[in-house]
Protein backbone atom coordinates (compact mmCIF):
# COMPACT_ATOMS: atom_id res chain seq x y z
CA MET A 1 0.00 0.00 0.00
CA LYS A 2 1.48 3.32 -1.07
CA LEU A 3 -0.68 5.59 1.05
CA CYS A 4 1.43 8.31 2.66
CA PHE A 5 0.34 7.10 6.08
CA PHE A 6 -2.79 6.59 8.14
CA THR A 7 -3.26 7.57 11.72
CA CYS A 8 -5.67 4.69 12.00
CA ILE A 9 -6.53 1.77 9.76
CA THR A 10 -9.97 0.96 11.10
CA PHE A 11 -12.61 2.90 12.94
CA SER A 12 -15.94 2.11 14.60
CA PHE A 13 -19.14 4.01 15.26
CA PHE A 14 -20.56 3.77 18.79
CA LEU A 15 -24.06 4.62 19.94
CA SER A 16 -22.63 7.60 21.80
CA GLY A 17 -21.47 9.08 18.51
CA LEU A 18 -17.79 8.62 19.38
CA ILE A 19 -15.56 7.45 16.60
CA SER A 20 -12.79 5.27 18.00
CA CYS A 21 -9.43 5.75 16.41
CA LYS A 22 -6.29 4.45 18.11
CA PRO A 23 -3.78 5.85 18.62
CA THR A 24 -5.32 9.26 19.25
CA LEU A 25 -4.18 11.94 16.84
CA GLN A 26 -1.32 14.08 18.14
CA LEU A 27 -1.85 17.21 16.06
CA GLU A 28 1.11 19.02 17.52
CA THR A 29 3.45 16.53 15.82
CA ILE A 30 1.98 16.97 12.33
CA PRO A 31 3.21 19.94 10.23
CA ALA A 32 1.09 21.86 7.75
CA PHE A 33 3.60 21.53 4.89
CA THR A 34 5.56 18.50 3.77
CA SER A 35 7.27 20.50 1.01
CA GLU A 36 6.85 23.89 -0.65
CA THR A 37 3.91 22.56 -2.69
CA THR A 38 2.44 19.73 -0.59
CA VAL A 39 0.48 19.72 2.68
CA ASN A 40 -0.89 17.24 5.20
CA CYS A 41 -4.65 16.73 5.10
CA ILE A 42 -6.41 15.29 8.14
CA ILE A 43 -9.67 13.63 7.14
CA GLU A 44 -12.68 14.15 9.39
CA ILE A 45 -15.55 13.30 7.03
CA PRO A 46 -15.16 10.63 4.35
CA ALA A 47 -16.57 11.40 0.90
CA GLY A 48 -20.20 10.31 0.61
CA THR A 49 -20.95 10.86 4.31
CA ASN A 50 -23.80 12.95 5.73
CA LYS A 51 -22.55 12.98 9.33
CA LYS A 52 -20.77 16.16 10.48
CA ILE A 53 -17.70 14.54 12.06
CA GLU A 54 -15.18 16.82 13.78
CA PHE A 55 -11.87 16.41 15.59
CA ASN A 56 -12.15 17.21 19.29
CA LYS A 57 -9.08 19.20 20.34
CA THR A 58 -9.44 18.19 24.00
CA THR A 59 -9.96 14.43 23.70
CA LYS A 60 -7.96 14.23 20.44
CA ARG A 61 -10.65 12.01 18.99
CA PHE A 62 -13.25 12.32 16.27
CA LYS A 63 -16.93 12.75 17.14
CA ILE A 64 -20.13 13.53 15.34
CA ASP A 65 -20.81 17.19 16.14
CA LYS A 66 -23.96 18.02 18.09
CA ILE A 67 -26.20 21.08 18.40
CA ASN A 68 -28.44 21.13 21.47
CA GLY A 69 -27.63 17.48 22.05
CA VAL A 70 -28.68 16.44 18.55
CA GLU A 71 -26.18 14.95 16.12
CA ARG A 72 -25.56 17.05 13.03
CA ILE A 73 -26.64 15.04 10.01
CA LYS A 74 -26.68 16.89 6.69
CA ASP A 75 -30.23 16.96 5.33
CA TYR A 76 -28.80 17.34 1.86
CA LEU A 77 -26.55 15.55 -0.61
CA PRO A 78 -23.58 13.93 1.19
CA TYR A 79 -20.12 15.45 1.18
CA PRO A 80 -18.85 15.45 -2.43
CA ALA A 81 -15.23 14.84 -1.34
CA ASN A 82 -13.24 13.95 1.76
CA TYR A 83 -13.49 16.88 4.17
CA GLY A 84 -11.05 17.86 6.87
CA PHE A 85 -8.31 20.35 7.66
CA ILE A 86 -4.63 21.18 7.43
CA PRO A 87 -2.88 20.78 10.81
CA ALA A 88 -0.72 23.54 12.31
CA THR A 89 -2.98 26.21 10.81
CA PHE A 90 -5.27 28.64 12.62
CA SER A 91 -7.86 31.01 11.20
CA ASP A 92 -7.53 33.70 13.86
CA LYS A 93 -10.84 35.20 15.02
CA ALA A 94 -9.03 38.44 15.82
CA LYS A 95 -8.19 38.67 12.12
CA GLY A 96 -11.64 37.75 10.83
CA GLY A 97 -11.27 33.95 10.89
CA ASP A 98 -13.45 31.29 12.48
CA GLY A 99 -10.94 30.10 15.10
CA ASP A 100 -10.35 26.72 13.44
CA PRO A 101 -7.70 25.16 11.20
CA ILE A 102 -8.20 25.85 7.50
CA ASP A 103 -10.58 23.41 5.78
CA ILE A 104 -9.80 21.12 2.87
CA LEU A 105 -11.66 19.05 0.30
CA LEU A 106 -9.54 16.09 -0.78
CA LEU A 107 -10.70 14.94 -4.22
CA CYS A 108 -10.45 11.15 -4.34
CA GLU A 109 -12.35 8.05 -3.29
CA SER A 110 -13.60 7.81 0.28
CA ILE A 111 -10.83 7.96 2.91
CA PRO A 112 -11.41 6.82 6.53
CA THR A 113 -11.84 9.34 9.33
CA GLY A 114 -8.51 9.99 11.07
CA SER A 115 -6.35 9.44 8.00
CA VAL A 116 -3.49 11.83 7.28
CA ILE A 117 -2.87 12.22 3.55
CA GLU A 118 -0.15 14.19 1.78
CA ALA A 119 -1.68 16.28 -0.99
CA TYR A 120 -1.26 19.10 -3.50
CA PRO A 121 -3.39 22.21 -2.85
CA ILE A 122 -4.49 23.54 -6.24
CA ALA A 123 -7.19 26.12 -5.51
CA MET A 124 -9.22 27.78 -2.78
CA LEU A 125 -12.85 28.87 -2.52
CA ARG A 126 -13.20 32.08 -0.54
CA VAL A 127 -16.08 31.62 1.89
CA LEU A 128 -17.67 33.82 4.55
CA ASP A 129 -19.72 31.79 7.03
CA ASP A 130 -21.81 34.01 9.29
CA GLY A 131 -19.35 36.83 8.63
CA GLU A 132 -16.20 34.78 9.41
CA MET A 133 -13.54 33.52 7.00
CA ASP A 134 -14.15 29.83 6.34
CA ASP A 135 -12.15 29.19 3.17
CA LYS A 136 -12.03 25.76 1.51
CA ILE A 137 -8.80 24.39 0.01
CA ILE A 138 -9.14 21.98 -2.92
CA CYS A 139 -6.49 19.25 -2.70
CA ILE A 140 -5.39 16.30 -4.81
CA PRO A 141 -3.55 13.37 -3.18
CA LYS A 142 0.16 13.19 -3.92
CA ASP A 143 0.02 9.39 -4.13
CA PRO A 144 -0.85 8.47 -7.76
CA GLU A 145 -2.72 5.40 -6.52
CA LEU A 146 -5.17 7.64 -4.66
CA GLN A 147 -5.70 10.09 -7.52
CA VAL A 148 -8.96 9.98 -9.43
CA ILE A 149 -8.31 13.27 -11.21
CA GLN A 150 -5.13 14.92 -12.46
CA ALA A 151 -4.70 18.69 -12.44
CA GLU A 152 -1.75 20.90 -11.57
CA ASP A 153 -3.80 24.04 -10.94
CA ILE A 154 -7.27 25.54 -11.11
CA THR A 155 -6.98 26.35 -14.83
CA GLU A 156 -6.23 22.77 -15.78
CA PHE A 157 -8.93 21.56 -13.39
CA GLN A 158 -11.54 23.77 -15.06
CA GLU A 159 -10.46 22.63 -18.52
CA LYS A 160 -10.49 18.91 -17.71
CA TYR A 161 -13.52 18.84 -15.42
CA PRO A 162 -15.96 21.54 -16.57
CA LYS A 163 -18.66 22.50 -14.06
CA ALA A 164 -16.91 20.61 -11.22
CA LEU A 165 -16.02 23.84 -9.40
CA GLU A 166 -19.59 25.03 -9.87
CA ILE A 167 -20.88 21.80 -8.29
CA ILE A 168 -18.61 22.38 -5.27
CA GLU A 169 -19.80 26.00 -4.99
CA LEU A 170 -23.46 24.96 -5.09
CA TRP A 171 -22.90 22.31 -2.43
CA PHE A 172 -21.34 24.77 0.00
CA GLN A 173 -23.97 27.38 -0.81
CA TYR A 174 -26.95 25.15 -0.06
CA ASN A 175 -25.94 22.23 2.20
CA ASP A 176 -26.71 24.21 5.36
CA THR A 177 -29.30 26.97 5.30
CA THR A 178 -29.07 27.75 9.04
CA GLU A 179 -26.10 30.11 8.57
CA PRO A 180 -25.59 32.86 5.98
CA ILE A 181 -22.96 31.76 3.44
CA VAL A 182 -21.23 34.15 1.05
CA LEU A 183 -18.98 32.79 -1.70
CA ASN A 184 -16.30 35.18 -2.92
CA GLY A 185 -14.83 33.20 -5.79
CA TRP A 186 -11.79 31.03 -6.44
CA VAL A 187 -8.09 31.81 -6.14
CA ASN A 188 -5.21 30.06 -7.91
CA LYS A 189 -2.57 27.69 -6.59
CA LYS A 190 -0.04 30.41 -5.79
CA GLU A 191 -2.52 32.43 -3.73
CA THR A 192 -3.79 29.25 -2.08
CA ILE A 193 -0.34 28.24 -0.86
CA ALA A 194 0.28 31.80 0.32
CA GLU A 195 -2.95 31.67 2.37
CA ILE A 196 -1.98 28.34 3.94
CA LYS A 197 1.39 29.84 4.91
CA ARG A 198 -0.40 32.84 6.40
CA VAL A 199 -2.70 30.79 8.64
CA SER A 200 0.24 28.53 9.51
CA THR A 201 2.07 31.65 10.75
CA TRP A 202 -0.99 32.57 12.82
CA TYR A 203 -0.86 29.09 14.36
CA GLN A 204 2.79 29.53 15.32
CA GLU A 205 2.15 33.00 16.77
CA THR A 206 -0.77 31.72 18.84
CA ASN A 207 0.75 28.48 20.12
CA PHE A 208 4.44 29.34 20.28
CA PRO A 209 4.68 33.08 21.04
CA GLU A 210 8.16 34.47 21.48
């Protein structure tokens, strides 16, 4: 198996909503970048899933998110790609962010919750969620065996897979109508990597101040 590496190989759903994944994920040991053009992607929600699974920073485990004690299940089409985040990043609320790591969509077949996959970021959708920055990075796995599409940047992606970006936009626009979502367009690979570096710097400033 040529997967970059998995934090866990198997996982189980319990009635409590806890997703067991051993060993627990030690985020502080996982860098954002693996090279100048590749990043680590931590998968929370496998492609094709309707459950809103999130990584709990305190327990270092993955759980189905709840609102008022009720599990968040998307009453919409399931996630169109593997959803998660880039470790060692922080969208600072003081700078207009949402206080979380930056989100990613990993375009490939379904990947288990808790997996850590090395990938190429090729584009970013600028998103405002309830007035906060909640941008979405589009990533392609570095491992050729995981790739289902091939594109070096957003231009090639648009040429090879027409309407795919529009499908992603529509999904984020309408999958959750409880919060106001504003889409502010796509940026290219260069700007995407620059944004990841920026939120990675915010992470360092917050967690390792001089």
